[in-house]
C-alpha atoms as a PDB file:
ATOM      1  CA  MET A   1      13.462 -19.809  -5.137  1.00  0.00           C
ATOM      2  CA  SER A   2      12.823 -15.830  -4.188  1.00  0.00           C
ATOM      3  CA  GLN A   3      14.271 -13.696  -6.611  1.00  0.00           C
ATOM      4  CA  HIS A   4      15.741 -10.142  -5.986  1.00  0.00           C
ATOM      5  CA  LEU A   5      15.659  -7.033  -8.131  1.00  0.00           C
ATOM      6  CA  LEU A   6      17.416  -3.608  -6.929  1.00  0.00           C
ATOM      7  CA  VAL A   7      15.289  -0.792  -7.899  1.00  0.00           C
ATOM      8  CA  GLU A   8      16.743   2.727  -7.813  1.00  0.00           C
ATOM      9  CA  LEU A   9      13.999   5.198  -7.085  1.00  0.00           C
ATOM     10  CA  GLU A  10      13.794   9.009  -6.397  1.00  0.00           C
ATOM     11  CA  LEU A  11      11.712   9.143  -2.989  1.00  0.00           C
ATOM     12  CA  PRO A  12       9.778  11.878  -2.368  1.00  0.00           C
ATOM     13  CA  GLU A  13      10.366  14.014   1.081  1.00  0.00           C
ATOM     14  CA  ASP A  14       6.725  13.697   1.718  1.00  0.00           C
ATOM     15  CA  LEU A  15       6.006   9.868   2.596  1.00  0.00           C
ATOM     16  CA  GLU A  16       2.457  10.381   2.912  1.00  0.00           C
ATOM     17  CA  ARG A  17       2.148  10.344  -0.982  1.00  0.00           C
ATOM     18  CA  PHE A  18       3.006   6.493  -0.852  1.00  0.00           C
ATOM     19  CA  ARG A  19      -0.517   5.707   0.008  1.00  0.00           C
ATOM     20  CA  LEU A  20      -3.594   4.940  -2.319  1.00  0.00           C
ATOM     21  CA  PRO A  21      -5.199   7.580  -3.665  1.00  0.00           C
ATOM     22  CA  ARG A  22      -8.269   8.957  -1.764  1.00  0.00           C
ATOM     23  CA  GLY A  23     -10.870   7.797  -4.296  1.00  0.00           C
ATOM     24  CA  VAL A  24      -9.027   4.210  -4.751  1.00  0.00           C
ATOM     25  CA  ASP A  25      -8.784   3.966  -1.038  1.00  0.00           C
ATOM     26  CA  ASP A  26     -12.867   4.743  -0.501  1.00  0.00           C
ATOM     27  CA  ARG A  27     -13.360   2.064  -3.267  1.00  0.00           C
ATOM     28  CA  LEU A  28     -11.573  -0.637  -0.965  1.00  0.00           C
ATOM     29  CA  GLN A  29     -13.492   0.706   2.196  1.00  0.00           C
ATOM     30  CA  VAL A  30     -16.575   0.195   0.262  1.00  0.00           C
ATOM     31  CA  LEU A  31     -15.989  -3.229  -0.769  1.00  0.00           C
ATOM     32  CA  LEU A  32     -14.313  -4.055   2.525  1.00  0.00           C
ATOM     33  CA  ASP A  33     -17.348  -2.782   4.744  1.00  0.00           C
ATOM     34  CA  ARG A  34     -19.775  -4.535   2.252  1.00  0.00           C
ATOM     35  CA  GLN A  35     -17.951  -7.743   3.224  1.00  0.00           C
ATOM     36  CA  ASP A  36     -17.644  -6.912   6.872  1.00  0.00           C
ATOM     37  CA  HIS A  37     -21.577  -6.704   7.025  1.00  0.00           C
ATOM     38  CA  GLY A  38     -21.812 -10.224   5.487  1.00  0.00           C
ATOM     39  CA  ASP A  39     -22.751  -9.025   1.940  1.00  0.00           C
ATOM     40  CA  THR A  40     -21.347 -11.224  -0.569  1.00  0.00           C
ATOM     41  CA  LEU A  41     -18.991  -9.859  -3.243  1.00  0.00           C
ATOM     42  CA  THR A  42     -18.737 -11.013  -6.901  1.00  0.00           C
ATOM     43  CA  ARG A  43     -15.605 -12.698  -7.826  1.00  0.00           C
ATOM     44  CA  GLU A  44     -14.730  -9.448  -9.918  1.00  0.00           C
ATOM     45  CA  GLU A  45     -15.111  -7.424  -6.643  1.00  0.00           C
ATOM     46  CA  GLU A  46     -13.159  -9.954  -4.501  1.00  0.00           C
ATOM     47  CA  VAL A  47     -10.204  -9.867  -7.070  1.00  0.00           C
ATOM     48  CA  GLU A  48     -10.572  -6.011  -7.099  1.00  0.00           C
ATOM     49  CA  ALA A  49     -10.502  -5.886  -3.281  1.00  0.00           C
ATOM     50  CA  GLN A  50      -7.438  -8.142  -3.115  1.00  0.00           C
ATOM     51  CA  GLY A  51      -5.576  -6.387  -5.486  1.00  0.00           C
ATOM     52  CA  LEU A  52      -6.162  -3.071  -3.436  1.00  0.00           C
ATOM     53  CA  VAL A  53      -5.294  -4.769  -0.535  1.00  0.00           C
ATOM     54  CA  THR A  54      -2.159  -5.809  -1.857  1.00  0.00           C
ATOM     55  CA  LEU A  55      -0.803  -2.507  -3.361  1.00  0.00           C
ATOM     56  CA  ALA A  56      -1.898  -0.589   0.148  1.00  0.00           C
ATOM     57  CA  GLU A  57       0.525  -3.427   1.708  1.00  0.00           C
ATOM     58  CA  LEU A  58       3.080  -2.523  -0.795  1.00  0.00           C
ATOM     59  CA  LEU A  59       2.940   1.210  -0.383  1.00  0.00           C
ATOM     60  CA  SER A  60       3.006   0.666   3.529  1.00  0.00           C
ATOM     61  CA  LEU A  61       6.070  -1.268   2.852  1.00  0.00           C
ATOM     62  CA  LEU A  62       7.753   0.920   1.045  1.00  0.00           C
ATOM     63  CA  GLN A  63       6.882   4.138   3.428  1.00  0.00           C
ATOM     64  CA  LEU A  64       8.167   1.685   6.338  1.00  0.00           C
ATOM     65  CA  ARG A  65      11.674   0.881   4.735  1.00  0.00           C
ATOM     66  CA  THR A  66      12.053   4.260   3.371  1.00  0.00           C
ATOM     67  CA  ARG A  67      11.743   5.829   7.032  1.00  0.00           C
ATOM     68  CA  ARG A  68      14.093   3.311   8.142  1.00  0.00           C
ATOM     69  CA  ILE A  69      16.585   4.126   5.427  1.00  0.00           C
ATOM     70  CA  TRP A  70      16.510   7.570   6.155  1.00  0.00           C
ATOM     71  CA  GLN A  71      16.879   7.445   9.724  1.00  0.00           C
ATOM     72  CA  VAL A  72      19.997   5.432   9.164  1.00  0.00           C
ATOM     73  CA  THR A  73      21.555   7.609   6.319  1.00  0.00           C
ATOM     74  CA  TYR A  74      20.071  11.047   7.909  1.00  0.00           C
ATOM     75  CA  PRO A  75      20.237  10.263  11.717  1.00  0.00           C
ATOM     76  CA  PRO A  76      18.874  13.233  14.066  1.00  0.00           C
ATOM     77  CA  SER A  77      21.482  15.391  15.070  1.00  0.00           C
END
């Protein structure tokens, strides 16, 4: 059974802020690149990479939903 939670957020006008910080994104890219090149990640690295991917996806989803809400709430004139 899914649950719903309503959260009120003050959103910045600059939606680009809804992304991984550069250092965190760099770390994710290193892990993914190693994996793509056939290197075996440790269990800890796999967990770290999956957590970072999940966070990046969440931020992307938040960015997309915010854009959609803004388009409905503040349509272009």
